[in-house]
């Protein structure tokens, strides 16, 4: 059994895989390391995975997790970075600044859909909205934009009289109250903005294309935008596990 440790800014995700199948997933909605450490330590004792991979945007917690996994006797521990063996070349000019979660999402989308497309786009609609482009076996780069919640909070924080309005699906375009006007503006700016970014990326790359969406807003965007082919809720986890499997296969050959 293989463990994936996904260390995000706002949450920790732990997933267990039996071969290619995900058999367990849990989320720790806490930023504090002691809460995340407790969940990781408990899962290691309960399930005793043989191998693990870490995908992290919090370097200190990645190092602490690596130490816990080493102390638990995990035979193989892979930390996802732009400098490991990847299923594509990297054409990014500053790979040292490339988020490990972005690499995992790109790998998950490319490995699954590369036989159906020349270019694969991995859209992650979470705190930030990111798009990763892998085309003809090369990671070409991507797009980073504010996510839905950031749009809402920034509008309220940077104005004197506007309240904070949660972004939600809206059927109307013209708001008849300030609240409705904000709802319409936020919703359509987010959906149409993501759709426009995807269309621009498609226009800039050779087809055929596959567009895969993940993150908390993935289902909504997939329902609203016909340009998105599939919503995959745990693309980062699946991509990190796919990279671990590649490492294990390579080790078996050696």
C-alpha atoms as a PDB file:
ATOM      1  CA  UNK A   1       0.000   0.000   0.000  1.00  0.00           C
ATOM      2  CA  UNK A   2       1.235   3.502  -0.910  1.00  0.00           C
ATOM      3  CA  UNK A   3       0.649   6.752   0.964  1.00  0.00           C
ATOM      4  CA  UNK A   4       0.329  10.231  -0.549  1.00  0.00           C
ATOM      5  CA  UNK A   5       0.891  13.206   1.771  1.00  0.00           C
ATOM      6  CA  UNK A   6      -0.469  16.407   0.220  1.00  0.00           C
ATOM      7  CA  UNK A   7       0.567  19.405   2.329  1.00  0.00           C
ATOM      8  CA  UNK A   8      -1.345  22.533   1.364  1.00  0.00           C
ATOM      9  CA  UNK A   9      -1.520  25.977   2.902  1.00  0.00           C
ATOM     10  CA  UNK A  10      -4.978  25.499   4.384  1.00  0.00           C
ATOM     11  CA  UNK A  11      -5.346  21.708   4.606  1.00  0.00           C
ATOM     12  CA  UNK A  12      -3.488  18.410   4.743  1.00  0.00           C
ATOM     13  CA  UNK A  13      -4.707  15.485   2.651  1.00  0.00           C
ATOM     14  CA  UNK A  14      -3.683  11.894   3.236  1.00  0.00           C
ATOM     15  CA  UNK A  15      -4.520   9.204   0.692  1.00  0.00           C
ATOM     16  CA  UNK A  16      -3.801   5.480   0.516  1.00  0.00           C
ATOM     17  CA  UNK A  17      -3.548   3.554  -2.743  1.00  0.00           C
ATOM     18  CA  UNK A  18      -3.637  -0.173  -3.338  1.00  0.00           C
ATOM     19  CA  UNK A  19      -1.870  -0.471  -6.686  1.00  0.00           C
ATOM     20  CA  UNK A  20      -3.714   2.026  -8.927  1.00  0.00           C
ATOM     21  CA  UNK A  21      -6.859   2.293  -6.787  1.00  0.00           C
ATOM     22  CA  UNK A  22      -7.393   4.915  -4.111  1.00  0.00           C
ATOM     23  CA  UNK A  23      -8.764   3.127  -1.052  1.00  0.00           C
ATOM     24  CA  UNK A  24      -8.703   5.834   1.599  1.00  0.00           C
ATOM     25  CA  UNK A  25      -8.612   9.607   1.830  1.00  0.00           C
ATOM     26  CA  UNK A  26      -8.834  12.038   4.719  1.00  0.00           C
ATOM     27  CA  UNK A  27      -8.500  15.779   5.081  1.00  0.00           C
ATOM     28  CA  UNK A  28      -7.215  17.783   8.024  1.00  0.00           C
ATOM     29  CA  UNK A  29      -8.573  21.339   7.877  1.00  0.00           C
ATOM     30  CA  UNK A  30      -5.952  22.899  10.109  1.00  0.00           C
ATOM     31  CA  UNK A  31      -2.811  24.886   9.434  1.00  0.00           C
ATOM     32  CA  UNK A  32      -1.105  23.966  12.712  1.00  0.00           C
ATOM     33  CA  UNK A  33       1.599  21.344  12.299  1.00  0.00           C
ATOM     34  CA  UNK A  34       0.801  19.488  15.533  1.00  0.00           C
ATOM     35  CA  UNK A  35      -2.678  18.629  14.243  1.00  0.00           C
ATOM     36  CA  UNK A  36      -1.334  17.489  10.888  1.00  0.00           C
ATOM     37  CA  UNK A  37       1.481  15.535  12.534  1.00  0.00           C
ATOM     38  CA  UNK A  38      -1.020  13.719  14.743  1.00  0.00           C
ATOM     39  CA  UNK A  39      -3.121  12.629  11.757  1.00  0.00           C
ATOM     40  CA  UNK A  40      -0.072  11.450   9.791  1.00  0.00           C
ATOM     41  CA  UNK A  41       1.394   9.522  12.728  1.00  0.00           C
ATOM     42  CA  UNK A  42      -1.930   7.834  13.474  1.00  0.00           C
ATOM     43  CA  UNK A  43      -2.426   6.757   9.853  1.00  0.00           C
ATOM     44  CA  UNK A  44       1.080   5.323   9.637  1.00  0.00           C
ATOM     45  CA  UNK A  45       0.476   3.203  12.730  1.00  0.00           C
ATOM     46  CA  UNK A  46      -2.941   2.025  11.554  1.00  0.00           C
ATOM     47  CA  UNK A  47      -2.184   1.232   7.907  1.00  0.00           C
ATOM     48  CA  UNK A  48       1.596   0.771   7.696  1.00  0.00           C
ATOM     49  CA  UNK A  49       2.158   1.732   4.050  1.00  0.00           C
ATOM     50  CA  UNK A  50       5.259   0.420   2.290  1.00  0.00           C
ATOM     51  CA  UNK A  51       6.003   3.538   0.233  1.00  0.00           C
ATOM     52  CA  UNK A  52       5.058   7.205   0.299  1.00  0.00           C
ATOM     53  CA  UNK A  53       5.216  10.401  -1.673  1.00  0.00           C
ATOM     54  CA  UNK A  54       5.034  13.988  -0.449  1.00  0.00           C
ATOM     55  CA  UNK A  55       3.638  16.876  -2.471  1.00  0.00           C
ATOM     56  CA  UNK A  56       3.934  20.084  -0.490  1.00  0.00           C
ATOM     57  CA  UNK A  57       3.755  23.855  -0.751  1.00  0.00           C
ATOM     58  CA  UNK A  58       4.931  24.239   2.880  1.00  0.00           C
ATOM     59  CA  UNK A  59       8.682  23.418   2.924  1.00  0.00           C
ATOM     60  CA  UNK A  60       9.075  23.160   6.709  1.00  0.00           C
ATOM     61  CA  UNK A  61       6.191  20.706   6.995  1.00  0.00           C
ATOM     62  CA  UNK A  62       7.526  18.697   4.059  1.00  0.00           C
ATOM     63  CA  UNK A  63      10.824  18.236   5.901  1.00  0.00           C
ATOM     64  CA  UNK A  64       9.030  17.274   9.118  1.00  0.00           C
ATOM     65  CA  UNK A  65       6.849  14.776   7.243  1.00  0.00           C
ATOM     66  CA  UNK A  66       9.899  13.254   5.582  1.00  0.00           C
ATOM     67  CA  UNK A  67      11.486  12.711   8.978  1.00  0.00           C
ATOM     68  CA  UNK A  68       8.339  11.018  10.326  1.00  0.00           C
ATOM     69  CA  UNK A  69       8.158   8.725   7.287  1.00  0.00           C
ATOM     70  CA  UNK A  70      11.851   7.842   7.591  1.00  0.00           C
ATOM     71  CA  UNK A  71      11.452   7.067  11.288  1.00  0.00           C
ATOM     72  CA  UNK A  72       8.456   4.855  10.468  1.00  0.00           C
ATOM     73  CA  UNK A  73      10.697   2.742   8.229  1.00  0.00           C
ATOM     74  CA  UNK A  74       8.984   3.567   4.931  1.00  0.00           C
ATOM     75  CA  UNK A  75      11.121   1.889   2.285  1.00  0.00           C
ATOM     76  CA  UNK A  76      10.668   4.488  -0.468  1.00  0.00           C
ATOM     77  CA  UNK A  77       9.807   8.152   0.074  1.00  0.00           C
ATOM     78  CA  UNK A  78       9.509  10.407  -2.979  1.00  0.00           C
ATOM     79  CA  UNK A  79       9.115  14.157  -2.665  1.00  0.00           C
ATOM     80  CA  UNK A  80       7.536  15.680  -5.761  1.00  0.00           C
ATOM     81  CA  UNK A  81       9.615  18.529  -7.198  1.00  0.00           C
ATOM     82  CA  UNK A  82      10.383  19.772 -10.728  1.00  0.00           C
ATOM     83  CA  UNK A  83      13.770  18.027 -10.492  1.00  0.00           C
ATOM     84  CA  UNK A  84      12.682  14.395 -10.102  1.00  0.00           C
ATOM     85  CA  UNK A  85      12.162  11.991 -13.003  1.00  0.00           C
ATOM     86  CA  UNK A  86       8.994  13.284 -14.676  1.00  0.00           C
ATOM     87  CA  UNK A  87       6.922  11.954 -17.595  1.00  0.00           C
ATOM     88  CA  UNK A  88       7.606  15.163 -19.525  1.00  0.00           C
ATOM     89  CA  UNK A  89      10.400  17.639 -20.145  1.00  0.00           C
ATOM     90  CA  UNK A  90      10.345  20.977 -18.308  1.00  0.00           C
ATOM     91  CA  UNK A  91      10.486  24.159 -20.397  1.00  0.00           C
ATOM     92  CA  UNK A  92       9.734  26.478 -17.471  1.00  0.00           C
ATOM     93  CA  UNK A  93      12.418  29.161 -17.169  1.00  0.00           C
ATOM     94  CA  UNK A  94      12.293  29.218 -13.349  1.00  0.00           C
ATOM     95  CA  UNK A  95      11.631  25.597 -12.301  1.00  0.00           C
ATOM     96  CA  UNK A  96      12.781  26.359  -8.755  1.00  0.00           C
ATOM     97  CA  UNK A  97       9.667  28.538  -8.358  1.00  0.00           C
ATOM     98  CA  UNK A  98       7.272  25.953  -9.779  1.00  0.00           C
ATOM     99  CA  UNK A  99       4.864  24.688  -7.125  1.00  0.00           C
ATOM    100  CA  UNK A 100       5.053  20.974  -6.385  1.00  0.00           C
ATOM    101  CA  UNK A 101       1.256  20.715  -6.431  1.00  0.00           C
ATOM    102  CA  UNK A 102       1.285  22.152  -9.950  1.00  0.00           C
ATOM    103  CA  UNK A 103       3.770  19.482 -11.030  1.00  0.00           C
ATOM    104  CA  UNK A 104       1.632  16.717  -9.511  1.00  0.00           C
ATOM    105  CA  UNK A 105      -1.536  17.990 -11.210  1.00  0.00           C
ATOM    106  CA  UNK A 106       0.226  18.265 -14.571  1.00  0.00           C
ATOM    107  CA  UNK A 107       1.664  14.760 -14.210  1.00  0.00           C
ATOM    108  CA  UNK A 108      -1.684  13.263 -13.238  1.00  0.00           C
ATOM    109  CA  UNK A 109      -3.456  14.805 -16.217  1.00  0.00           C
ATOM    110  CA  UNK A 110      -0.694  14.051 -18.739  1.00  0.00           C
ATOM    111  CA  UNK A 111      -0.168  10.425 -17.738  1.00  0.00           C
ATOM    112  CA  UNK A 112      -3.879   9.656 -17.895  1.00  0.00           C
ATOM    113  CA  UNK A 113      -4.821  11.510 -21.095  1.00  0.00           C
ATOM    114  CA  UNK A 114      -1.626  11.771 -23.165  1.00  0.00           C
ATOM    115  CA  UNK A 115      -2.770   9.006 -25.517  1.00  0.00           C
ATOM    116  CA  UNK A 116      -5.917  10.982 -26.367  1.00  0.00           C
ATOM    117  CA  UNK A 117      -4.461  14.461 -26.823  1.00  0.00           C
ATOM    118  CA  UNK A 118      -1.441  16.378 -28.049  1.00  0.00           C
ATOM    119  CA  UNK A 119      -1.942  19.005 -25.354  1.00  0.00           C
ATOM    120  CA  UNK A 120      -3.350  18.450 -21.875  1.00  0.00           C
ATOM    121  CA  UNK A 121      -4.471  21.303 -19.613  1.00  0.00           C
ATOM    122  CA  UNK A 122      -4.780  20.739 -15.862  1.00  0.00           C
ATOM    123  CA  UNK A 123      -6.975  23.408 -14.256  1.00  0.00           C
ATOM    124  CA  UNK A 124      -6.909  23.623 -10.452  1.00  0.00           C
ATOM    125  CA  UNK A 125      -9.731  25.811  -9.148  1.00  0.00           C
ATOM    126  CA  UNK A 126      -8.945  26.271  -5.478  1.00  0.00           C
ATOM    127  CA  UNK A 127      -7.573  29.167  -3.427  1.00  0.00           C
ATOM    128  CA  UNK A 128      -5.808  30.223  -6.600  1.00  0.00           C
ATOM    129  CA  UNK A 129      -6.897  29.247 -10.090  1.00  0.00           C
ATOM    130  CA  UNK A 130      -4.013  27.652 -11.957  1.00  0.00           C
ATOM    131  CA  UNK A 131      -3.657  26.130 -15.402  1.00  0.00           C
ATOM    132  CA  UNK A 132      -0.780  23.789 -16.289  1.00  0.00           C
ATOM    133  CA  UNK A 133      -0.036  23.063 -19.946  1.00  0.00           C
ATOM    134  CA  UNK A 134       1.741  19.908 -21.096  1.00  0.00           C
ATOM    135  CA  UNK A 135       2.073  19.754 -24.864  1.00  0.00           C
ATOM    136  CA  UNK A 136       3.890  17.213 -27.042  1.00  0.00           C
ATOM    137  CA  UNK A 137       5.663  15.740 -24.026  1.00  0.00           C
ATOM    138  CA  UNK A 138       6.862  19.054 -22.583  1.00  0.00           C
ATOM    139  CA  UNK A 139       5.599  21.133 -19.685  1.00  0.00           C
ATOM    140  CA  UNK A 140       5.219  24.526 -21.360  1.00  0.00           C
ATOM    141  CA  UNK A 141       4.187  26.621 -18.365  1.00  0.00           C
ATOM    142  CA  UNK A 142       0.910  27.841 -17.011  1.00  0.00           C
ATOM    143  CA  UNK A 143      -1.365  30.532 -15.675  1.00  0.00           C
ATOM    144  CA  UNK A 144      -1.933  31.660 -12.072  1.00  0.00           C
ATOM    145  CA  UNK A 145      -4.947  33.804 -11.166  1.00  0.00           C
ATOM    146  CA  UNK A 146      -7.015  34.559  -8.048  1.00  0.00           C
ATOM    147  CA  UNK A 147      -9.495  31.902  -7.015  1.00  0.00           C
ATOM    148  CA  UNK A 148     -13.175  32.441  -6.310  1.00  0.00           C
ATOM    149  CA  UNK A 149     -12.784  33.224  -2.612  1.00  0.00           C
ATOM    150  CA  UNK A 150      -9.926  35.646  -3.188  1.00  0.00           C
ATOM    151  CA  UNK A 151     -12.077  37.589  -5.643  1.00  0.00           C
ATOM    152  CA  UNK A 152     -14.843  37.874  -3.074  1.00  0.00           C
ATOM    153  CA  UNK A 153     -12.682  38.855  -0.099  1.00  0.00           C
ATOM    154  CA  UNK A 154     -10.583  41.369  -2.035  1.00  0.00           C
ATOM    155  CA  UNK A 155     -13.690  43.164  -3.300  1.00  0.00           C
ATOM    156  CA  UNK A 156     -14.995  43.542   0.249  1.00  0.00           C
ATOM    157  CA  UNK A 157     -11.629  44.335   1.858  1.00  0.00           C
ATOM    158  CA  UNK A 158     -10.631  47.032  -0.609  1.00  0.00           C
ATOM    159  CA  UNK A 159     -13.902  48.960  -0.688  1.00  0.00           C
ATOM    160  CA  UNK A 160     -15.515  51.051   2.033  1.00  0.00           C
ATOM    161  CA  UNK A 161     -19.176  50.076   1.656  1.00  0.00           C
ATOM    162  CA  UNK A 162     -19.380  46.736  -0.099  1.00  0.00           C
ATOM    163  CA  UNK A 163     -20.008  43.641   2.042  1.00  0.00           C
ATOM    164  CA  UNK A 164     -18.349  40.290   1.551  1.00  0.00           C
ATOM    165  CA  UNK A 165     -20.553  38.107  -0.645  1.00  0.00           C
ATOM    166  CA  UNK A 166     -19.976  34.397  -1.068  1.00  0.00           C
ATOM    167  CA  UNK A 167     -19.515  33.370  -4.671  1.00  0.00           C
ATOM    168  CA  UNK A 168     -22.294  31.009  -5.750  1.00  0.00           C
ATOM    169  CA  UNK A 169     -24.052  29.890  -8.905  1.00  0.00           C
ATOM    170  CA  UNK A 170     -26.204  32.754 -10.192  1.00  0.00           C
ATOM    171  CA  UNK A 171     -28.906  32.551 -12.849  1.00  0.00           C
ATOM    172  CA  UNK A 172     -29.331  36.307 -13.364  1.00  0.00           C
ATOM    173  CA  UNK A 173     -26.951  38.782 -14.963  1.00  0.00           C
ATOM    174  CA  UNK A 174     -28.395  42.124 -13.883  1.00  0.00           C
ATOM    175  CA  UNK A 175     -28.610  42.483 -10.119  1.00  0.00           C
ATOM    176  CA  UNK A 176     -31.503  44.498  -8.676  1.00  0.00           C
ATOM    177  CA  UNK A 177     -29.803  44.984  -5.306  1.00  0.00           C
ATOM    178  CA  UNK A 178     -26.190  45.621  -4.350  1.00  0.00           C
ATOM    179  CA  UNK A 179     -25.945  42.059  -3.039  1.00  0.00           C
ATOM    180  CA  UNK A 180     -27.282  40.647  -6.322  1.00  0.00           C
ATOM    181  CA  UNK A 181     -25.040  42.916  -8.372  1.00  0.00           C
ATOM    182  CA  UNK A 182     -22.019  41.623  -6.466  1.00  0.00           C
ATOM    183  CA  UNK A 183     -23.197  38.023  -6.821  1.00  0.00           C
ATOM    184  CA  UNK A 184     -23.515  38.410 -10.576  1.00  0.00           C
ATOM    185  CA  UNK A 185     -20.227  40.212 -10.953  1.00  0.00           C
ATOM    186  CA  UNK A 186     -18.221  37.742  -8.902  1.00  0.00           C
ATOM    187  CA  UNK A 187     -19.809  34.637 -10.403  1.00  0.00           C
ATOM    188  CA  UNK A 188     -19.588  35.662 -14.038  1.00  0.00           C
ATOM    189  CA  UNK A 189     -16.130  37.174 -13.653  1.00  0.00           C
ATOM    190  CA  UNK A 190     -14.904  33.892 -12.185  1.00  0.00           C
ATOM    191  CA  UNK A 191     -16.593  31.514 -14.632  1.00  0.00           C
ATOM    192  CA  UNK A 192     -16.079  33.609 -17.750  1.00  0.00           C
ATOM    193  CA  UNK A 193     -12.540  34.471 -16.686  1.00  0.00           C
ATOM    194  CA  UNK A 194     -11.555  30.822 -16.255  1.00  0.00           C
ATOM    195  CA  UNK A 195     -13.251  29.951 -19.537  1.00  0.00           C
ATOM    196  CA  UNK A 196     -11.426  32.752 -21.330  1.00  0.00           C
ATOM    197  CA  UNK A 197      -8.053  31.694 -19.937  1.00  0.00           C
ATOM    198  CA  UNK A 198      -8.636  28.105 -21.059  1.00  0.00           C
ATOM    199  CA  UNK A 199      -9.642  29.237 -24.544  1.00  0.00           C
ATOM    200  CA  UNK A 200      -6.495  31.356 -24.826  1.00  0.00           C
ATOM    201  CA  UNK A 201      -4.320  28.425 -23.745  1.00  0.00           C
ATOM    202  CA  UNK A 202      -6.004  26.186 -26.295  1.00  0.00           C
ATOM    203  CA  UNK A 203      -5.442  28.765 -29.040  1.00  0.00           C
ATOM    204  CA  UNK A 204      -1.744  28.937 -28.146  1.00  0.00           C
ATOM    205  CA  UNK A 205      -1.085  25.164 -28.299  1.00  0.00           C
ATOM    206  CA  UNK A 206      -1.519  22.352 -30.836  1.00  0.00           C
ATOM    207  CA  UNK A 207      -4.539  20.057 -30.609  1.00  0.00           C
ATOM    208  CA  UNK A 208      -6.304  17.874 -29.991  1.00  0.00           C
ATOM    209  CA  UNK A 209      -6.719  19.031 -26.401  1.00  0.00           C
ATOM    210  CA  UNK A 210      -7.954  17.561 -23.145  1.00  0.00           C
ATOM    211  CA  UNK A 211      -8.943  19.917 -20.339  1.00  0.00           C
ATOM    212  CA  UNK A 212      -9.070  18.426 -16.847  1.00  0.00           C
ATOM    213  CA  UNK A 213     -10.347  20.385 -13.849  1.00  0.00           C
ATOM    214  CA  UNK A 214      -9.734  19.771 -10.154  1.00  0.00           C
ATOM    215  CA  UNK A 215     -10.147  21.707  -6.910  1.00  0.00           C
ATOM    216  CA  UNK A 216     -13.141  22.867  -4.928  1.00  0.00           C
ATOM    217  CA  UNK A 217     -14.785  24.657  -7.845  1.00  0.00           C
ATOM    218  CA  UNK A 218     -14.097  21.945 -10.415  1.00  0.00           C
ATOM    219  CA  UNK A 219     -17.617  20.523 -10.586  1.00  0.00           C
ATOM    220  CA  UNK A 220     -19.258  23.923 -11.008  1.00  0.00           C
ATOM    221  CA  UNK A 221     -16.808  24.986 -13.708  1.00  0.00           C
ATOM    222  CA  UNK A 222     -17.194  21.685 -15.557  1.00  0.00           C
ATOM    223  CA  UNK A 223     -20.969  22.096 -15.580  1.00  0.00           C
ATOM    224  CA  UNK A 224     -20.717  25.702 -16.786  1.00  0.00           C
ATOM    225  CA  UNK A 225     -17.903  25.438 -19.328  1.00  0.00           C
ATOM    226  CA  UNK A 226     -18.195  23.016 -22.226  1.00  0.00           C
ATOM    227  CA  UNK A 227     -14.473  23.443 -22.931  1.00  0.00           C
ATOM    228  CA  UNK A 228     -13.676  21.379 -19.788  1.00  0.00           C
ATOM    229  CA  UNK A 229     -13.714  17.649 -20.519  1.00  0.00           C
ATOM    230  CA  UNK A 230     -13.521  16.102 -17.051  1.00  0.00           C
ATOM    231  CA  UNK A 231     -13.729  17.050 -13.376  1.00  0.00           C
ATOM    232  CA  UNK A 232     -11.240  15.024 -11.303  1.00  0.00           C
ATOM    233  CA  UNK A 233     -11.587  15.901  -7.600  1.00  0.00           C
ATOM    234  CA  UNK A 234      -8.226  14.507  -6.466  1.00  0.00           C
ATOM    235  CA  UNK A 235      -5.957  15.110  -9.452  1.00  0.00           C
ATOM    236  CA  UNK A 236      -3.002  16.266  -7.323  1.00  0.00           C
ATOM    237  CA  UNK A 237      -3.171  13.142  -5.148  1.00  0.00           C
ATOM    238  CA  UNK A 238      -3.550  10.862  -8.169  1.00  0.00           C
ATOM    239  CA  UNK A 239      -0.697  12.592  -9.975  1.00  0.00           C
ATOM    240  CA  UNK A 240       1.607  12.309  -6.972  1.00  0.00           C
ATOM    241  CA  UNK A 241       0.799   8.611  -6.696  1.00  0.00           C
ATOM    242  CA  UNK A 242       1.432   8.086 -10.407  1.00  0.00           C
ATOM    243  CA  UNK A 243       4.891   9.626  -9.973  1.00  0.00           C
ATOM    244  CA  UNK A 244       5.573   7.345  -7.011  1.00  0.00           C
ATOM    245  CA  UNK A 245       4.599   4.296  -9.086  1.00  0.00           C
ATOM    246  CA  UNK A 246       7.052   5.398 -11.782  1.00  0.00           C
ATOM    247  CA  UNK A 247       9.798   5.561  -9.152  1.00  0.00           C
ATOM    248  CA  UNK A 248       8.913   2.111  -7.819  1.00  0.00           C
ATOM    249  CA  UNK A 249       8.921   0.567 -11.300  1.00  0.00           C
ATOM    250  CA  UNK A 250      12.298   2.181 -12.054  1.00  0.00           C
ATOM    251  CA  UNK A 251      13.695   0.833  -8.771  1.00  0.00           C
ATOM    252  CA  UNK A 252      12.501  -2.682  -9.624  1.00  0.00           C
ATOM    253  CA  UNK A 253      14.336  -2.482 -12.964  1.00  0.00           C
ATOM    254  CA  UNK A 254      17.597  -1.421 -11.265  1.00  0.00           C
END
